[in-house]
Amino acid sequence: MGEIQDRYNAYIAPMKNRKPGSVMKAKFALGNLLTPWLNKIESEKREREKAAREAEEAARKAA
């Protein structure tokens, strides 16, 4: 059991370990890269929703 842990710990050790695993480092790096993109997508979605709301209100006032 210990041999298996030692073998795979280099790959899957959590970030809190003294020496984090390479898979966890890659996952953390990808998360950092995706955050700005996800924030941009979310802000674009909010802008579209706001424009749709304003158009709906304008249509109600015109009717």
PDB file of N, CA and C in Angstrom:
ATOM      1  N   MET A   1       0.832  -1.193   0.000  1.00  0.00           N
ATOM      2  CA  MET A   1       0.000   0.000   0.000  1.00  0.00           C
ATOM      3  C   MET A   1       0.876   1.257   0.000  1.00  0.00           C
ATOM      4  N   GLY A   2       1.895   1.272   0.811  1.00  0.00           N
ATOM      5  CA  GLY A   2       2.778   2.429   0.892  1.00  0.00           C
ATOM      6  C   GLY A   2       3.524   2.678  -0.407  1.00  0.00           C
ATOM      7  N   GLU A   3       3.892   1.595  -1.099  1.00  0.00           N
ATOM      8  CA  GLU A   3       4.605   1.739  -2.369  1.00  0.00           C
ATOM      9  C   GLU A   3       3.719   2.421  -3.410  1.00  0.00           C
ATOM     10  N   ILE A   4       2.462   2.039  -3.432  1.00  0.00           N
ATOM     11  CA  ILE A   4       1.524   2.629  -4.388  1.00  0.00           C
ATOM     12  C   ILE A   4       1.341   4.109  -4.083  1.00  0.00           C
ATOM     13  N   GLN A   5       1.184   4.433  -2.804  1.00  0.00           N
ATOM     14  CA  GLN A   5       1.028   5.836  -2.418  1.00  0.00           C
ATOM     15  C   GLN A   5       2.253   6.641  -2.814  1.00  0.00           C
ATOM     16  N   ASP A   6       3.425   6.103  -2.537  1.00  0.00           N
ATOM     17  CA  ASP A   6       4.655   6.815  -2.877  1.00  0.00           C
ATOM     18  C   ASP A   6       4.775   7.038  -4.379  1.00  0.00           C
ATOM     19  N   ARG A   7       4.372   6.040  -5.159  1.00  0.00           N
ATOM     20  CA  ARG A   7       4.494   6.129  -6.609  1.00  0.00           C
ATOM     21  C   ARG A   7       3.584   7.219  -7.175  1.00  0.00           C
ATOM     22  N   TYR A   8       2.340   7.272  -6.718  1.00  0.00           N
ATOM     23  CA  TYR A   8       1.376   8.201  -7.300  1.00  0.00           C
ATOM     24  C   TYR A   8       1.284   9.541  -6.573  1.00  0.00           C
ATOM     25  N   ASN A   9       1.897   9.658  -5.422  1.00  0.00           N
ATOM     26  CA  ASN A   9       1.842  10.905  -4.666  1.00  0.00           C
ATOM     27  C   ASN A   9       2.491  12.058  -5.434  1.00  0.00           C
ATOM     28  N   ALA A  10       3.478  11.746  -6.259  1.00  0.00           N
ATOM     29  CA  ALA A  10       4.140  12.789  -7.053  1.00  0.00           C
ATOM     30  C   ALA A  10       3.180  13.417  -8.053  1.00  0.00           C
ATOM     31  N   TYR A  11       2.130  12.691  -8.405  1.00  0.00           N
ATOM     32  CA  TYR A  11       1.158  13.200  -9.372  1.00  0.00           C
ATOM     33  C   TYR A  11      -0.064  13.815  -8.716  1.00  0.00           C
ATOM     34  N   ILE A  12      -0.570  13.185  -7.657  1.00  0.00           N
ATOM     35  CA  ILE A  12      -1.880  13.584  -7.134  1.00  0.00           C
ATOM     36  C   ILE A  12      -1.842  14.196  -5.740  1.00  0.00           C
ATOM     37  N   ALA A  13      -0.681  14.518  -5.229  1.00  0.00           N
ATOM     38  CA  ALA A  13      -0.597  15.118  -3.894  1.00  0.00           C
ATOM     39  C   ALA A  13      -1.307  16.469  -3.899  1.00  0.00           C
ATOM     40  N   PRO A  14      -2.087  16.778  -2.855  1.00  0.00           N
ATOM     41  CA  PRO A  14      -2.811  18.056  -2.823  1.00  0.00           C
ATOM     42  C   PRO A  14      -1.865  19.252  -2.716  1.00  0.00           C
ATOM     43  N   MET A  15      -2.379  20.433  -3.027  1.00  0.00           N
ATOM     44  CA  MET A  15      -1.564  21.648  -3.009  1.00  0.00           C
ATOM     45  C   MET A  15      -1.049  21.975  -1.608  1.00  0.00           C
ATOM     46  N   LYS A  16      -1.698  21.474  -0.573  1.00  0.00           N
ATOM     47  CA  LYS A  16      -1.290  21.782   0.797  1.00  0.00           C
ATOM     48  C   LYS A  16      -0.051  20.996   1.222  1.00  0.00           C
ATOM     49  N   ASN A  17       0.310  19.957   0.476  1.00  0.00           N
ATOM     50  CA  ASN A  17       1.497  19.171   0.811  1.00  0.00           C
ATOM     51  C   ASN A  17       2.755  20.009   0.637  1.00  0.00           C
ATOM     52  N   ARG A  18       3.817  19.545   1.280  1.00  0.00           N
ATOM     53  CA  ARG A  18       5.095  20.229   1.146  1.00  0.00           C
ATOM     54  C   ARG A  18       5.531  20.264  -0.316  1.00  0.00           C
ATOM     55  N   LYS A  19       5.302  19.154  -1.028  1.00  0.00           N
ATOM     56  CA  LYS A  19       5.623  19.074  -2.449  1.00  0.00           C
ATOM     57  C   LYS A  19       4.357  18.641  -3.189  1.00  0.00           C
ATOM     58  N   PRO A  20       3.595  19.599  -3.724  1.00  0.00           N
ATOM     59  CA  PRO A  20       2.336  19.246  -4.386  1.00  0.00           C
ATOM     60  C   PRO A  20       2.573  18.430  -5.654  1.00  0.00           C
ATOM     61  N   GLY A  21       1.579  17.632  -6.016  1.00  0.00           N
ATOM     62  CA  GLY A  21       1.673  16.799  -7.205  1.00  0.00           C
ATOM     63  C   GLY A  21       1.547  17.609  -8.479  1.00  0.00           C
ATOM     64  N   SER A  22       2.080  17.070  -9.560  1.00  0.00           N
ATOM     65  CA  SER A  22       2.074  17.803 -10.827  1.00  0.00           C
ATOM     66  C   SER A  22       0.666  17.964 -11.387  1.00  0.00           C
ATOM     67  N   VAL A  23      -0.205  16.983 -11.179  1.00  0.00           N
ATOM     68  CA  VAL A  23      -1.585  17.098 -11.654  1.00  0.00           C
ATOM     69  C   VAL A  23      -2.293  18.221 -10.902  1.00  0.00           C
ATOM     70  N   MET A  24      -2.083  18.311  -9.614  1.00  0.00           N
ATOM     71  CA  MET A  24      -2.732  19.357  -8.824  1.00  0.00           C
ATOM     72  C   MET A  24      -2.197  20.737  -9.213  1.00  0.00           C
ATOM     73  N   LYS A  25      -0.905  20.829  -9.504  1.00  0.00           N
ATOM     74  CA  LYS A  25      -0.342  22.107  -9.948  1.00  0.00           C
ATOM     75  C   LYS A  25      -0.961  22.525 -11.279  1.00  0.00           C
ATOM     76  N   ALA A  26      -1.108  21.571 -12.190  1.00  0.00           N
ATOM     77  CA  ALA A  26      -1.700  21.875 -13.493  1.00  0.00           C
ATOM     78  C   ALA A  26      -3.156  22.293 -13.340  1.00  0.00           C
ATOM     79  N   LYS A  27      -3.891  21.608 -12.472  1.00  0.00           N
ATOM     80  CA  LYS A  27      -5.296  21.949 -12.239  1.00  0.00           C
ATOM     81  C   LYS A  27      -5.404  23.367 -11.671  1.00  0.00           C
ATOM     82  N   PHE A  28      -4.544  23.699 -10.741  1.00  0.00           N
ATOM     83  CA  PHE A  28      -4.536  25.029 -10.135  1.00  0.00           C
ATOM     84  C   PHE A  28      -4.209  26.095 -11.186  1.00  0.00           C
ATOM     85  N   ALA A  29      -3.216  25.823 -12.043  1.00  0.00           N
ATOM     86  CA  ALA A  29      -2.823  26.776 -13.083  1.00  0.00           C
ATOM     87  C   ALA A  29      -3.954  26.982 -14.088  1.00  0.00           C
ATOM     88  N   LEU A  30      -4.615  25.903 -14.486  1.00  0.00           N
ATOM     89  CA  LEU A  30      -5.731  26.030 -15.421  1.00  0.00           C
ATOM     90  C   LEU A  30      -6.876  26.814 -14.806  1.00  0.00           C
ATOM     91  N   GLY A  31      -7.120  26.604 -13.528  1.00  0.00           N
ATOM     92  CA  GLY A  31      -8.160  27.366 -12.841  1.00  0.00           C
ATOM     93  C   GLY A  31      -7.856  28.850 -12.858  1.00  0.00           C
ATOM     94  N   ASN A  32      -6.593  29.196 -12.652  1.00  0.00           N
ATOM     95  CA  ASN A  32      -6.189  30.605 -12.688  1.00  0.00           C
ATOM     96  C   ASN A  32      -6.326  31.193 -14.087  1.00  0.00           C
ATOM     97  N   LEU A  33      -6.081  30.386 -15.111  1.00  0.00           N
ATOM     98  CA  LEU A  33      -6.227  30.875 -16.480  1.00  0.00           C
ATOM     99  C   LEU A  33      -7.690  31.057 -16.861  1.00  0.00           C
ATOM    100  N   LEU A  34      -8.552  30.188 -16.369  1.00  0.00           N
ATOM    101  CA  LEU A  34      -9.961  30.236 -16.745  1.00  0.00           C
ATOM    102  C   LEU A  34     -10.737  31.334 -16.031  1.00  0.00           C
ATOM    103  N   THR A  35     -10.300  31.766 -14.878  1.00  0.00           N
ATOM    104  CA  THR A  35     -11.056  32.731 -14.088  1.00  0.00           C
ATOM    105  C   THR A  35     -11.356  34.023 -14.853  1.00  0.00           C
ATOM    106  N   PRO A  36     -10.385  34.687 -15.473  1.00  0.00           N
ATOM    107  CA  PRO A  36     -10.714  35.921 -16.207  1.00  0.00           C
ATOM    108  C   PRO A  36     -11.689  35.665 -17.357  1.00  0.00           C
ATOM    109  N   TRP A  37     -11.514  34.550 -18.056  1.00  0.00           N
ATOM    110  CA  TRP A  37     -12.404  34.232 -19.176  1.00  0.00           C
ATOM    111  C   TRP A  37     -13.826  34.002 -18.678  1.00  0.00           C
ATOM    112  N   LEU A  38     -13.972  33.258 -17.588  1.00  0.00           N
ATOM    113  CA  LEU A  38     -15.304  33.005 -17.034  1.00  0.00           C
ATOM    114  C   LEU A  38     -15.950  34.302 -16.549  1.00  0.00           C
ATOM    115  N   ASN A  39     -15.164  35.188 -15.957  1.00  0.00           N
ATOM    116  CA  ASN A  39     -15.694  36.491 -15.525  1.00  0.00           C
ATOM    117  C   ASN A  39     -16.170  37.307 -16.722  1.00  0.00           C
ATOM    118  N   LYS A  40     -15.425  37.261 -17.825  1.00  0.00           N
ATOM    119  CA  LYS A  40     -15.814  37.990 -19.033  1.00  0.00           C
ATOM    120  C   LYS A  40     -17.127  37.436 -19.583  1.00  0.00           C
ATOM    121  N   ILE A  41     -17.251  36.125 -19.641  1.00  0.00           N
ATOM    122  CA  ILE A  41     -18.475  35.488 -20.138  1.00  0.00           C
ATOM    123  C   ILE A  41     -19.662  35.882 -19.262  1.00  0.00           C
ATOM    124  N   GLU A  42     -19.458  35.886 -17.957  1.00  0.00           N
ATOM    125  CA  GLU A  42     -20.536  36.245 -17.025  1.00  0.00           C
ATOM    126  C   GLU A  42     -20.956  37.703 -17.209  1.00  0.00           C
ATOM    127  N   SER A  43     -19.998  38.607 -17.397  1.00  0.00           N
ATOM    128  CA  SER A  43     -20.356  40.022 -17.579  1.00  0.00           C
ATOM    129  C   SER A  43     -21.091  40.231 -18.900  1.00  0.00           C
ATOM    130  N   GLU A  44     -20.698  39.517 -19.947  1.00  0.00           N
ATOM    131  CA  GLU A  44     -21.413  39.615 -21.227  1.00  0.00           C
ATOM    132  C   GLU A  44     -22.844  39.113 -21.082  1.00  0.00           C
ATOM    133  N   LYS A  45     -23.015  38.054 -20.330  1.00  0.00           N
ATOM    134  CA  LYS A  45     -24.359  37.508 -20.095  1.00  0.00           C
ATOM    135  C   LYS A  45     -25.225  38.529 -19.360  1.00  0.00           C
ATOM    136  N   ARG A  46     -24.656  39.171 -18.344  1.00  0.00           N
ATOM    137  CA  ARG A  46     -25.402  40.193 -17.598  1.00  0.00           C
ATOM    138  C   ARG A  46     -25.790  41.365 -18.496  1.00  0.00           C
ATOM    139  N   GLU A  47     -24.877  41.778 -19.385  1.00  0.00           N
ATOM    140  CA  GLU A  47     -25.171  42.879 -20.309  1.00  0.00           C
ATOM    141  C   GLU A  47     -26.321  42.513 -21.243  1.00  0.00           C
ATOM    142  N   ARG A  48     -26.320  41.280 -21.762  1.00  0.00           N
ATOM    143  CA  ARG A  48     -27.410  40.842 -22.644  1.00  0.00           C
ATOM    144  C   ARG A  48     -28.735  40.814 -21.901  1.00  0.00           C
ATOM    145  N   GLU A  49     -28.715  40.323 -20.655  1.00  0.00           N
ATOM    146  CA  GLU A  49     -29.943  40.279 -19.859  1.00  0.00           C
ATOM    147  C   GLU A  49     -30.461  41.691 -19.581  1.00  0.00           C
ATOM    148  N   LYS A  50     -29.554  42.615 -19.290  1.00  0.00           N
ATOM    149  CA  LYS A  50     -29.952  43.999 -19.022  1.00  0.00           C
ATOM    150  C   LYS A  50     -30.560  44.632 -20.272  1.00  0.00           C
ATOM    151  N   ALA A  51     -29.940  44.403 -21.425  1.00  0.00           N
ATOM    152  CA  ALA A  51     -30.464  44.954 -22.680  1.00  0.00           C
ATOM    153  C   ALA A  51     -31.839  44.368 -22.990  1.00  0.00           C
ATOM    154  N   ALA A  52     -32.024  43.078 -22.729  1.00  0.00           N
ATOM    155  CA  ALA A  52     -33.324  42.449 -22.978  1.00  0.00           C
ATOM    156  C   ALA A  52     -34.382  43.025 -22.044  1.00  0.00           C
ATOM    157  N   ARG A  53     -34.009  43.244 -20.779  1.00  0.00           N
ATOM    158  CA  ARG A  53     -34.936  43.830 -19.808  1.00  0.00           C
ATOM    159  C   ARG A  53     -35.352  45.237 -20.232  1.00  0.00           C
ATOM    160  N   GLU A  54     -34.373  46.039 -20.652  1.00  0.00           N
ATOM    161  CA  GLU A  54     -34.656  47.409 -21.087  1.00  0.00           C
ATOM    162  C   GLU A  54     -35.539  47.422 -22.334  1.00  0.00           C
ATOM    163  N   ALA A  55     -35.294  46.499 -23.263  1.00  0.00           N
ATOM    164  CA  ALA A  55     -36.117  46.423 -24.472  1.00  0.00           C
ATOM    165  C   ALA A  55     -37.545  46.012 -24.121  1.00  0.00           C
ATOM    166  N   GLU A  56     -37.677  45.107 -23.165  1.00  0.00           N
ATOM    167  CA  GLU A  56     -39.009  44.670 -22.735  1.00  0.00           C
ATOM    168  C   GLU A  56     -39.765  45.819 -22.071  1.00  0.00           C
ATOM    169  N   GLU A  57     -39.078  46.587 -21.232  1.00  0.00           N
ATOM    170  CA  GLU A  57     -39.713  47.735 -20.580  1.00  0.00           C
ATOM    171  C   GLU A  57     -40.121  48.788 -21.612  1.00  0.00           C
ATOM    172  N   ALA A  58     -39.281  49.020 -22.606  1.00  0.00           N
ATOM    173  CA  ALA A  58     -39.604  49.991 -23.658  1.00  0.00           C
ATOM    174  C   ALA A  58     -40.814  49.522 -24.462  1.00  0.00           C
ATOM    175  N   ALA A  59     -40.904  48.223 -24.709  1.00  0.00           N
ATOM    176  CA  ALA A  59     -42.044  47.683 -25.453  1.00  0.00           C
ATOM    177  C   ALA A  59     -43.329  47.819 -24.642  1.00  0.00           C
ATOM    178  N   ARG A  60     -43.240  47.639 -23.339  1.00  0.00           N
ATOM    179  CA  ARG A  60     -44.420  47.790 -22.473  1.00  0.00           C
ATOM    180  C   ARG A  60     -44.905  49.239 -22.466  1.00  0.00           C
ATOM    181  N   LYS A  61     -43.955  50.173 -22.396  1.00  0.00           N
ATOM    182  CA  LYS A  61     -44.324  51.592 -22.370  1.00  0.00           C
ATOM    183  C   LYS A  61     -44.926  52.025 -23.702  1.00  0.00           C
ATOM    184  N   ALA A  62     -44.444  51.458 -24.789  1.00  0.00           N
ATOM    185  CA  ALA A  62     -44.938  51.817 -26.118  1.00  0.00           C
ATOM    186  C   ALA A  62     -46.331  51.243 -26.374  1.00  0.00           C
ATOM    187  N   ALA A  63     -46.666  50.172 -25.691  1.00  0.00           N
ATOM    188  CA  ALA A  63     -47.963  49.520 -25.949  1.00  0.00           C
ATOM    189  C   ALA A  63     -49.107  50.192 -25.259  1.00  0.00           C
TER     190      ALA A  63
END
